């Protein structure tokens, strides 16, 4: 049996999944990185890095992006839209540009 969902439904499911699995990241600022906020998981691993100066938010491929890719099978543009929506809803980050990888450490 095939189940069909439209893009809006898939978008809502993806954001709900992201909130459930990555909605509890801890934001941290460090003095030697004044324009950046680092988001760590419960194992203290760097999962996202937000450059407040230019609006880019680097998202770990290993932790998040690869999972969105393999579970939802979307284009990279659609993945980016979902991640933007999730970041806005979950972390109140508006006007950010999700970028795969590129984390400082």
PDB file of N, CA and C in Angstrom:
ATOM      1  N   UNK A   1       0.843  -1.176   0.000  1.00  0.00           N
ATOM      2  CA  UNK A   1       0.000   0.000   0.000  1.00  0.00           C
ATOM      3  C   UNK A   1       0.890   1.241   0.000  1.00  0.00           C
ATOM      4  N   UNK A   2       0.616   2.143  -0.901  1.00  0.00           N
ATOM      5  CA  UNK A   2       1.347   3.398  -0.971  1.00  0.00           C
ATOM      6  C   UNK A   2       0.605   4.472  -0.189  1.00  0.00           C
ATOM      7  N   UNK A   3       1.374   5.236   0.571  1.00  0.00           N
ATOM      8  CA  UNK A   3       0.807   6.367   1.292  1.00  0.00           C
ATOM      9  C   UNK A   3       1.379   7.614   0.648  1.00  0.00           C
ATOM     10  N   UNK A   4       0.503   8.526   0.295  1.00  0.00           N
ATOM     11  CA  UNK A   4       0.964   9.762  -0.314  1.00  0.00           C
ATOM     12  C   UNK A   4       0.722  10.932   0.637  1.00  0.00           C
ATOM     13  N   UNK A   5       1.720  11.778   0.732  1.00  0.00           N
ATOM     14  CA  UNK A   5       1.591  12.993   1.533  1.00  0.00           C
ATOM     15  C   UNK A   5       2.031  14.164   0.663  1.00  0.00           C
ATOM     16  N   UNK A   6       1.427  15.290   0.911  1.00  0.00           N
ATOM     17  CA  UNK A   6       1.853  16.463   0.155  1.00  0.00           C
ATOM     18  C   UNK A   6       3.052  17.105   0.860  1.00  0.00           C
ATOM     19  N   UNK A   7       3.628  18.088   0.219  1.00  0.00           N
ATOM     20  CA  UNK A   7       4.838  18.718   0.738  1.00  0.00           C
ATOM     21  C   UNK A   7       4.617  19.378   2.103  1.00  0.00           C
ATOM     22  N   UNK A   8       3.456  20.013   2.289  1.00  0.00           N
ATOM     23  CA  UNK A   8       3.165  20.659   3.581  1.00  0.00           C
ATOM     24  C   UNK A   8       3.096  19.637   4.707  1.00  0.00           C
ATOM     25  N   UNK A   9       2.477  18.502   4.446  1.00  0.00           N
ATOM     26  CA  UNK A   9       2.385  17.452   5.456  1.00  0.00           C
ATOM     27  C   UNK A   9       3.771  16.909   5.795  1.00  0.00           C
ATOM     28  N   UNK A  10       4.572  16.671   4.769  1.00  0.00           N
ATOM     29  CA  UNK A  10       5.928  16.170   4.980  1.00  0.00           C
ATOM     30  C   UNK A  10       6.767  17.191   5.750  1.00  0.00           C
ATOM     31  N   UNK A  11       6.584  18.443   5.429  1.00  0.00           N
ATOM     32  CA  UNK A  11       7.278  19.538   6.113  1.00  0.00           C
ATOM     33  C   UNK A  11       6.956  19.509   7.615  1.00  0.00           C
ATOM     34  N   UNK A  12       5.654  19.382   7.942  1.00  0.00           N
ATOM     35  CA  UNK A  12       5.239  19.349   9.354  1.00  0.00           C
ATOM     36  C   UNK A  12       5.791  18.118  10.073  1.00  0.00           C
ATOM     37  N   UNK A  13       5.774  16.977   9.407  1.00  0.00           N
ATOM     38  CA  UNK A  13       6.304  15.743   9.996  1.00  0.00           C
ATOM     39  C   UNK A  13       7.803  15.882  10.244  1.00  0.00           C
ATOM     40  N   UNK A  14       8.524  16.444   9.291  1.00  0.00           N
ATOM     41  CA  UNK A  14       9.971  16.610   9.426  1.00  0.00           C
ATOM     42  C   UNK A  14      10.316  17.552  10.576  1.00  0.00           C
ATOM     43  N   UNK A  15       9.596  18.645  10.691  1.00  0.00           N
ATOM     44  CA  UNK A  15       9.858  19.586  11.791  1.00  0.00           C
ATOM     45  C   UNK A  15       9.540  18.934  13.134  1.00  0.00           C
ATOM     46  N   UNK A  16       8.463  18.192  13.193  1.00  0.00           N
ATOM     47  CA  UNK A  16       8.112  17.486  14.436  1.00  0.00           C
ATOM     48  C   UNK A  16       9.210  16.493  14.799  1.00  0.00           C
ATOM     49  N   UNK A  17       9.728  15.775  13.810  1.00  0.00           N
ATOM     50  CA  UNK A  17      10.803  14.809  14.048  1.00  0.00           C
ATOM     51  C   UNK A  17      12.064  15.527  14.545  1.00  0.00           C
ATOM     52  N   UNK A  18      12.414  16.634  13.914  1.00  0.00           N
ATOM     53  CA  UNK A  18      13.581  17.393  14.346  1.00  0.00           C
ATOM     54  C   UNK A  18      13.428  17.912  15.771  1.00  0.00           C
ATOM     55  N   UNK A  19      12.245  18.421  16.098  1.00  0.00           N
ATOM     56  CA  UNK A  19      12.001  18.910  17.462  1.00  0.00           C
ATOM     57  C   UNK A  19      12.161  17.783  18.476  1.00  0.00           C
ATOM     58  N   UNK A  20      11.646  16.627  18.123  1.00  0.00           N
ATOM     59  CA  UNK A  20      11.691  15.479  19.018  1.00  0.00           C
ATOM     60  C   UNK A  20      13.126  15.005  19.260  1.00  0.00           C
ATOM     61  N   UNK A  21      13.950  15.003  18.224  1.00  0.00           N
ATOM     62  CA  UNK A  21      15.301  14.461  18.329  1.00  0.00           C
ATOM     63  C   UNK A  21      16.392  15.490  18.594  1.00  0.00           C
ATOM     64  N   UNK A  22      16.144  16.753  18.212  1.00  0.00           N
ATOM     65  CA  UNK A  22      17.184  17.775  18.348  1.00  0.00           C
ATOM     66  C   UNK A  22      16.635  19.080  18.917  1.00  0.00           C
ATOM     67  N   UNK A  23      15.548  19.012  19.631  1.00  0.00           N
ATOM     68  CA  UNK A  23      14.932  20.202  20.191  1.00  0.00           C
ATOM     69  C   UNK A  23      15.486  20.603  21.538  1.00  0.00           C
ATOM     70  N   UNK A  24      16.482  19.864  22.019  1.00  0.00           N
ATOM     71  CA  UNK A  24      17.017  20.146  23.353  1.00  0.00           C
ATOM     72  C   UNK A  24      18.500  20.503  23.329  1.00  0.00           C
ATOM     73  N   UNK A  25      18.971  21.054  22.217  1.00  0.00           N
ATOM     74  CA  UNK A  25      20.378  21.453  22.139  1.00  0.00           C
ATOM     75  C   UNK A  25      20.625  22.666  23.032  1.00  0.00           C
ATOM     76  N   UNK A  26      21.792  22.691  23.625  1.00  0.00           N
ATOM     77  CA  UNK A  26      22.141  23.770  24.550  1.00  0.00           C
ATOM     78  C   UNK A  26      23.005  24.815  23.850  1.00  0.00           C
ATOM     79  N   UNK A  27      22.527  26.074  23.788  1.00  0.00           N
ATOM     80  CA  UNK A  27      23.347  27.128  23.181  1.00  0.00           C
ATOM     81  C   UNK A  27      24.433  27.600  24.155  1.00  0.00           C
ATOM     82  N   UNK A  28      25.634  27.796  23.615  1.00  0.00           N
ATOM     83  CA  UNK A  28      26.764  28.271  24.418  1.00  0.00           C
ATOM     84  C   UNK A  28      27.517  29.345  23.655  1.00  0.00           C
ATOM     85  N   UNK A  29      27.946  30.378  24.402  1.00  0.00           N
ATOM     86  CA  UNK A  29      28.812  31.421  23.832  1.00  0.00           C
ATOM     87  C   UNK A  29      30.141  31.353  24.569  1.00  0.00           C
ATOM     88  N   UNK A  30      31.195  31.591  23.822  1.00  0.00           N
ATOM     89  CA  UNK A  30      32.535  31.593  24.401  1.00  0.00           C
ATOM     90  C   UNK A  30      33.194  32.922  24.068  1.00  0.00           C
ATOM     91  N   UNK A  31      33.947  33.474  25.019  1.00  0.00           N
ATOM     92  CA  UNK A  31      34.563  34.795  24.854  1.00  0.00           C
ATOM     93  C   UNK A  31      35.424  34.913  23.607  1.00  0.00           C
ATOM     94  N   UNK A  32      36.182  33.882  23.278  1.00  0.00           N
ATOM     95  CA  UNK A  32      37.080  33.980  22.130  1.00  0.00           C
ATOM     96  C   UNK A  32      36.348  33.800  20.795  1.00  0.00           C
ATOM     97  N   UNK A  33      35.043  33.569  20.822  1.00  0.00           N
ATOM     98  CA  UNK A  33      34.205  33.489  19.615  1.00  0.00           C
ATOM     99  C   UNK A  33      32.997  34.406  19.820  1.00  0.00           C
ATOM    100  N   UNK A  34      33.216  35.697  19.835  1.00  0.00           N
ATOM    101  CA  UNK A  34      32.174  36.647  20.233  1.00  0.00           C
ATOM    102  C   UNK A  34      30.954  36.677  19.315  1.00  0.00           C
ATOM    103  N   UNK A  35      31.103  36.350  18.044  1.00  0.00           N
ATOM    104  CA  UNK A  35      29.975  36.421  17.110  1.00  0.00           C
ATOM    105  C   UNK A  35      29.297  35.075  16.887  1.00  0.00           C
ATOM    106  N   UNK A  36      29.669  34.063  17.671  1.00  0.00           N
ATOM    107  CA  UNK A  36      29.153  32.721  17.416  1.00  0.00           C
ATOM    108  C   UNK A  36      28.434  32.145  18.626  1.00  0.00           C
ATOM    109  N   UNK A  37      27.404  31.354  18.321  1.00  0.00           N
ATOM    110  CA  UNK A  37      26.709  30.577  19.338  1.00  0.00           C
ATOM    111  C   UNK A  37      26.856  29.117  18.924  1.00  0.00           C
ATOM    112  N   UNK A  38      27.309  28.304  19.853  1.00  0.00           N
ATOM    113  CA  UNK A  38      27.531  26.887  19.602  1.00  0.00           C
ATOM    114  C   UNK A  38      26.418  26.098  20.272  1.00  0.00           C
ATOM    115  N   UNK A  39      25.818  25.170  19.536  1.00  0.00           N
ATOM    116  CA  UNK A  39      24.723  24.339  20.057  1.00  0.00           C
ATOM    117  C   UNK A  39      25.246  22.934  20.276  1.00  0.00           C
ATOM    118  N   UNK A  40      25.174  22.488  21.524  1.00  0.00           N
ATOM    119  CA  UNK A  40      25.717  21.193  21.914  1.00  0.00           C
ATOM    120  C   UNK A  40      24.595  20.234  22.301  1.00  0.00           C
ATOM    121  N   UNK A  41      24.822  18.942  22.028  1.00  0.00           N
ATOM    122  CA  UNK A  41      23.853  17.936  22.451  1.00  0.00           C
ATOM    123  C   UNK A  41      24.164  17.502  23.880  1.00  0.00           C
ATOM    124  N   UNK A  42      23.417  16.543  24.396  1.00  0.00           N
ATOM    125  CA  UNK A  42      23.590  16.120  25.791  1.00  0.00           C
ATOM    126  C   UNK A  42      24.938  15.436  26.033  1.00  0.00           C
ATOM    127  N   UNK A  43      25.606  14.981  24.975  1.00  0.00           N
ATOM    128  CA  UNK A  43      26.947  14.396  25.097  1.00  0.00           C
ATOM    129  C   UNK A  43      28.035  15.453  24.921  1.00  0.00           C
ATOM    130  N   UNK A  44      27.641  16.719  24.887  1.00  0.00           N
ATOM    131  CA  UNK A  44      28.542  17.864  24.731  1.00  0.00           C
ATOM    132  C   UNK A  44      29.264  17.864  23.377  1.00  0.00           C
ATOM    133  N   UNK A  45      28.602  17.315  22.367  1.00  0.00           N
ATOM    134  CA  UNK A  45      29.145  17.335  21.015  1.00  0.00           C
ATOM    135  C   UNK A  45      28.578  18.544  20.286  1.00  0.00           C
ATOM    136  N   UNK A  46      29.421  19.180  19.492  1.00  0.00           N
ATOM    137  CA  UNK A  46      28.989  20.332  18.709  1.00  0.00           C
ATOM    138  C   UNK A  46      28.091  19.856  17.572  1.00  0.00           C
ATOM    139  N   UNK A  47      26.876  20.381  17.527  1.00  0.00           N
ATOM    140  CA  UNK A  47      25.895  19.956  16.527  1.00  0.00           C
ATOM    141  C   UNK A  47      25.574  21.098  15.561  1.00  0.00           C
ATOM    142  N   UNK A  48      25.581  22.332  16.067  1.00  0.00           N
ATOM    143  CA  UNK A  48      25.320  23.496  15.218  1.00  0.00           C
ATOM    144  C   UNK A  48      26.181  24.659  15.687  1.00  0.00           C
ATOM    145  N   UNK A  49      26.502  25.518  14.728  1.00  0.00           N
ATOM    146  CA  UNK A  49      27.278  26.715  15.028  1.00  0.00           C
ATOM    147  C   UNK A  49      26.656  27.888  14.282  1.00  0.00           C
ATOM    148  N   UNK A  50      26.169  28.856  15.026  1.00  0.00           N
ATOM    149  CA  UNK A  50      25.495  30.014  14.436  1.00  0.00           C
ATOM    150  C   UNK A  50      26.431  31.213  14.443  1.00  0.00           C
ATOM    151  N   UNK A  51      26.727  31.720  13.264  1.00  0.00           N
ATOM    152  CA  UNK A  51      27.512  32.941  13.137  1.00  0.00           C
ATOM    153  C   UNK A  51      26.509  34.095  13.117  1.00  0.00           C
ATOM    154  N   UNK A  52      26.407  34.791  14.229  1.00  0.00           N
ATOM    155  CA  UNK A  52      25.413  35.861  14.355  1.00  0.00           C
ATOM    156  C   UNK A  52      25.714  37.042  13.443  1.00  0.00           C
ATOM    157  N   UNK A  53      26.954  37.193  13.043  1.00  0.00           N
ATOM    158  CA  UNK A  53      27.338  38.325  12.202  1.00  0.00           C
ATOM    159  C   UNK A  53      26.812  38.178  10.775  1.00  0.00           C
ATOM    160  N   UNK A  54      26.943  36.986  10.191  1.00  0.00           N
ATOM    161  CA  UNK A  54      26.515  36.820   8.796  1.00  0.00           C
ATOM    162  C   UNK A  54      25.249  35.983   8.631  1.00  0.00           C
ATOM    163  N   UNK A  55      24.718  35.421   9.722  1.00  0.00           N
ATOM    164  CA  UNK A  55      23.462  34.673   9.670  1.00  0.00           C
ATOM    165  C   UNK A  55      23.581  33.215   9.257  1.00  0.00           C
ATOM    166  N   UNK A  56      24.794  32.763   8.952  1.00  0.00           N
ATOM    167  CA  UNK A  56      24.957  31.353   8.594  1.00  0.00           C
ATOM    168  C   UNK A  56      24.875  30.494   9.848  1.00  0.00           C
ATOM    169  N   UNK A  57      24.197  29.359   9.720  1.00  0.00           N
ATOM    170  CA  UNK A  57      24.200  28.389  10.807  1.00  0.00           C
ATOM    171  C   UNK A  57      24.670  27.063  10.224  1.00  0.00           C
ATOM    172  N   UNK A  58      25.831  26.649  10.691  1.00  0.00           N
ATOM    173  CA  UNK A  58      26.434  25.414  10.210  1.00  0.00           C
ATOM    174  C   UNK A  58      25.838  24.253  10.992  1.00  0.00           C
ATOM    175  N   UNK A  59      25.330  23.277  10.266  1.00  0.00           N
ATOM    176  CA  UNK A  59      24.633  22.149  10.869  1.00  0.00           C
ATOM    177  C   UNK A  59      25.437  20.881  10.590  1.00  0.00           C
ATOM    178  N   UNK A  60      25.707  20.142  11.633  1.00  0.00           N
ATOM    179  CA  UNK A  60      26.501  18.921  11.515  1.00  0.00           C
ATOM    180  C   UNK A  60      25.843  17.934  10.559  1.00  0.00           C
ATOM    181  N   UNK A  61      26.612  17.515   9.576  1.00  0.00           N
ATOM    182  CA  UNK A  61      26.103  16.499   8.649  1.00  0.00           C
ATOM    183  C   UNK A  61      25.908  15.191   9.399  1.00  0.00           C
ATOM    184  N   UNK A  62      26.865  14.843  10.215  1.00  0.00           N
ATOM    185  CA  UNK A  62      26.834  13.581  10.967  1.00  0.00           C
ATOM    186  C   UNK A  62      25.612  13.493  11.880  1.00  0.00           C
ATOM    187  N   UNK A  63      25.335  14.548  12.594  1.00  0.00           N
ATOM    188  CA  UNK A  63      24.273  14.492  13.600  1.00  0.00           C
ATOM    189  C   UNK A  63      22.876  14.768  13.049  1.00  0.00           C
ATOM    190  N   UNK A  64      22.740  15.741  12.175  1.00  0.00           N
ATOM    191  CA  UNK A  64      21.398  16.173  11.758  1.00  0.00           C
ATOM    192  C   UNK A  64      21.163  16.027  10.265  1.00  0.00           C
ATOM    193  N   UNK A  65      21.974  16.683   9.461  1.00  0.00           N
ATOM    194  CA  UNK A  65      21.667  16.808   8.032  1.00  0.00           C
ATOM    195  C   UNK A  65      21.550  15.446   7.355  1.00  0.00           C
ATOM    196  N   UNK A  66      22.452  14.521   7.659  1.00  0.00           N
ATOM    197  CA  UNK A  66      22.414  13.201   7.026  1.00  0.00           C
ATOM    198  C   UNK A  66      21.140  12.445   7.389  1.00  0.00           C
ATOM    199  N   UNK A  67      20.650  12.665   8.585  1.00  0.00           N
ATOM    200  CA  UNK A  67      19.421  11.991   9.018  1.00  0.00           C
ATOM    201  C   UNK A  67      18.207  12.559   8.280  1.00  0.00           C
ATOM    202  N   UNK A  68      18.159  13.867   8.136  1.00  0.00           N
ATOM    203  CA  UNK A  68      17.069  14.494   7.376  1.00  0.00           C
ATOM    204  C   UNK A  68      17.104  13.983   5.939  1.00  0.00           C
ATOM    205  N   UNK A  69      18.299  13.894   5.389  1.00  0.00           N
ATOM    206  CA  UNK A  69      18.498  13.413   4.022  1.00  0.00           C
ATOM    207  C   UNK A  69      17.978  11.983   3.844  1.00  0.00           C
ATOM    208  N   UNK A  70      18.402  11.095   4.747  1.00  0.00           N
ATOM    209  CA  UNK A  70      18.064   9.679   4.576  1.00  0.00           C
ATOM    210  C   UNK A  70      16.616   9.354   4.943  1.00  0.00           C
ATOM    211  N   UNK A  71      16.039  10.076   5.866  1.00  0.00           N
ATOM    212  CA  UNK A  71      14.663   9.791   6.289  1.00  0.00           C
ATOM    213  C   UNK A  71      13.632  10.385   5.338  1.00  0.00           C
ATOM    214  N   UNK A  72      13.863  11.623   4.897  1.00  0.00           N
ATOM    215  CA  UNK A  72      12.816  12.338   4.161  1.00  0.00           C
ATOM    216  C   UNK A  72      13.028  12.402   2.645  1.00  0.00           C
ATOM    217  N   UNK A  73      14.205  12.062   2.156  1.00  0.00           N
ATOM    218  CA  UNK A  73      14.473  11.974   0.708  1.00  0.00           C
ATOM    219  C   UNK A  73      14.007  13.216  -0.058  1.00  0.00           C
ATOM    220  N   UNK A  74      14.506  14.363   0.349  1.00  0.00           N
ATOM    221  CA  UNK A  74      14.136  15.633  -0.283  1.00  0.00           C
ATOM    222  C   UNK A  74      15.332  16.235  -1.008  1.00  0.00           C
ATOM    223  N   UNK A  75      15.070  17.233  -1.799  1.00  0.00           N
ATOM    224  CA  UNK A  75      16.163  17.973  -2.420  1.00  0.00           C
ATOM    225  C   UNK A  75      16.872  18.772  -1.328  1.00  0.00           C
ATOM    226  N   UNK A  76      18.090  19.183  -1.607  1.00  0.00           N
ATOM    227  CA  UNK A  76      18.831  19.968  -0.620  1.00  0.00           C
ATOM    228  C   UNK A  76      18.128  21.294  -0.335  1.00  0.00           C
ATOM    229  N   UNK A  77      17.478  21.884  -1.327  1.00  0.00           N
ATOM    230  CA  UNK A  77      16.725  23.125  -1.112  1.00  0.00           C
ATOM    231  C   UNK A  77      15.564  22.899  -0.152  1.00  0.00           C
ATOM    232  N   UNK A  78      14.842  21.779  -0.319  1.00  0.00           N
ATOM    233  CA  UNK A  78      13.735  21.472   0.582  1.00  0.00           C
ATOM    234  C   UNK A  78      14.234  21.144   1.984  1.00  0.00           C
ATOM    235  N   UNK A  79      15.359  20.443   2.069  1.00  0.00           N
ATOM    236  CA  UNK A  79      15.952  20.170   3.383  1.00  0.00           C
ATOM    237  C   UNK A  79      16.289  21.485   4.083  1.00  0.00           C
ATOM    238  N   UNK A  80      16.863  22.404   3.330  1.00  0.00           N
ATOM    239  CA  UNK A  80      17.227  23.708   3.898  1.00  0.00           C
ATOM    240  C   UNK A  80      15.983  24.459   4.380  1.00  0.00           C
ATOM    241  N   UNK A  81      14.895  24.402   3.619  1.00  0.00           N
ATOM    242  CA  UNK A  81      13.640  25.056   4.033  1.00  0.00           C
ATOM    243  C   UNK A  81      13.109  24.456   5.328  1.00  0.00           C
ATOM    244  N   UNK A  82      13.143  23.137   5.419  1.00  0.00           N
ATOM    245  CA  UNK A  82      12.674  22.464   6.633  1.00  0.00           C
ATOM    246  C   UNK A  82      13.547  22.855   7.818  1.00  0.00           C
ATOM    247  N   UNK A  83      14.854  22.845   7.619  1.00  0.00           N
ATOM    248  CA  UNK A  83      15.762  23.217   8.702  1.00  0.00           C
ATOM    249  C   UNK A  83      15.537  24.667   9.135  1.00  0.00           C
ATOM    250  N   UNK A  84      15.304  25.561   8.177  1.00  0.00           N
ATOM    251  CA  UNK A  84      15.009  26.966   8.522  1.00  0.00           C
ATOM    252  C   UNK A  84      13.746  27.056   9.378  1.00  0.00           C
ATOM    253  N   UNK A  85      12.695  26.324   8.978  1.00  0.00           N
ATOM    254  CA  UNK A  85      11.451  26.324   9.741  1.00  0.00           C
ATOM    255  C   UNK A  85      11.638  25.770  11.136  1.00  0.00           C
ATOM    256  N   UNK A  86      12.385  24.686  11.252  1.00  0.00           N
ATOM    257  CA  UNK A  86      12.670  24.072  12.548  1.00  0.00           C
ATOM    258  C   UNK A  86      13.472  25.017  13.440  1.00  0.00           C
ATOM    259  N   UNK A  87      14.488  25.663  12.876  1.00  0.00           N
ATOM    260  CA  UNK A  87      15.303  26.596  13.654  1.00  0.00           C
ATOM    261  C   UNK A  87      14.481  27.773  14.157  1.00  0.00           C
ATOM    262  N   UNK A  88      13.563  28.250  13.336  1.00  0.00           N
ATOM    263  CA  UNK A  88      12.710  29.361  13.745  1.00  0.00           C
ATOM    264  C   UNK A  88      11.752  28.931  14.853  1.00  0.00           C
ATOM    265  N   UNK A  89      11.093  27.802  14.664  1.00  0.00           N
ATOM    266  CA  UNK A  89      10.107  27.320  15.641  1.00  0.00           C
ATOM    267  C   UNK A  89      10.740  26.866  16.952  1.00  0.00           C
ATOM    268  N   UNK A  90      11.883  26.216  16.868  1.00  0.00           N
ATOM    269  CA  UNK A  90      12.472  25.588  18.050  1.00  0.00           C
ATOM    270  C   UNK A  90      13.451  26.491  18.784  1.00  0.00           C
ATOM    271  N   UNK A  91      14.252  27.238  18.050  1.00  0.00           N
ATOM    272  CA  UNK A  91      15.305  28.049  18.665  1.00  0.00           C
ATOM    273  C   UNK A  91      15.127  29.549  18.436  1.00  0.00           C
ATOM    274  N   UNK A  92      13.975  29.927  17.869  1.00  0.00           N
ATOM    275  CA  UNK A  92      13.671  31.327  17.619  1.00  0.00           C
ATOM    276  C   UNK A  92      14.761  32.013  16.787  1.00  0.00           C
ATOM    277  N   UNK A  93      15.320  31.256  15.839  1.00  0.00           N
ATOM    278  CA  UNK A  93      16.352  31.792  14.950  1.00  0.00           C
ATOM    279  C   UNK A  93      15.704  32.127  13.615  1.00  0.00           C
ATOM    280  N   UNK A  94      15.592  33.400  13.350  1.00  0.00           N
ATOM    281  CA  UNK A  94      14.992  33.876  12.111  1.00  0.00           C
ATOM    282  C   UNK A  94      16.095  34.475  11.248  1.00  0.00           C
ATOM    283  N   UNK A  95      15.876  34.523   9.963  1.00  0.00           N
ATOM    284  CA  UNK A  95      16.863  35.098   9.027  1.00  0.00           C
ATOM    285  C   UNK A  95      18.225  34.412   9.112  1.00  0.00           C
ATOM    286  N   UNK A  96      18.203  33.074   9.186  1.00  0.00           N
ATOM    287  CA  UNK A  96      19.446  32.312   9.166  1.00  0.00           C
ATOM    288  C   UNK A  96      19.510  31.503   7.876  1.00  0.00           C
ATOM    289  N   UNK A  97      20.710  31.146   7.489  1.00  0.00           N
ATOM    290  CA  UNK A  97      20.928  30.320   6.313  1.00  0.00           C
ATOM    291  C   UNK A  97      21.599  29.025   6.763  1.00  0.00           C
ATOM    292  N   UNK A  98      20.851  27.914   6.766  1.00  0.00           N
ATOM    293  CA  UNK A  98      21.466  26.632   7.145  1.00  0.00           C
ATOM    294  C   UNK A  98      22.499  26.200   6.098  1.00  0.00           C
ATOM    295  N   UNK A  99      23.657  25.778   6.605  1.00  0.00           N
ATOM    296  CA  UNK A  99      24.762  25.298   5.773  1.00  0.00           C
ATOM    297  C   UNK A  99      25.222  23.973   6.340  1.00  0.00           C
ATOM    298  N   UNK A 100      25.480  23.033   5.455  1.00  0.00           N
ATOM    299  CA  UNK A 100      25.925  21.711   5.874  1.00  0.00           C
ATOM    300  C   UNK A 100      27.383  21.763   6.331  1.00  0.00           C
ATOM    301  N   UNK A 101      27.656  21.251   7.542  1.00  0.00           N
ATOM    302  CA  UNK A 101      29.027  21.115   8.025  1.00  0.00           C
ATOM    303  C   UNK A 101      29.687  22.437   8.324  1.00  0.00           C
ATOM    304  N   UNK A 102      31.032  22.469   8.263  1.00  0.00           N
ATOM    305  CA  UNK A 102      31.785  23.692   8.477  1.00  0.00           C
ATOM    306  C   UNK A 102      31.916  24.114   9.920  1.00  0.00           C
ATOM    307  N   UNK A 103      31.782  23.189  10.854  1.00  0.00           N
ATOM    308  CA  UNK A 103      31.843  23.523  12.261  1.00  0.00           C
ATOM    309  C   UNK A 103      33.272  23.833  12.694  1.00  0.00           C
ATOM    310  N   UNK A 104      33.426  24.712  13.682  1.00  0.00           N
ATOM    311  CA  UNK A 104      34.735  25.166  14.146  1.00  0.00           C
ATOM    312  C   UNK A 104      35.563  24.046  14.742  1.00  0.00           C
ATOM    313  N   UNK A 105      34.947  23.203  15.559  1.00  0.00           N
ATOM    314  CA  UNK A 105      35.710  22.092  16.168  1.00  0.00           C
ATOM    315  C   UNK A 105      34.881  20.862  16.225  1.00  0.00           C
TER     316      UNK A 105
END
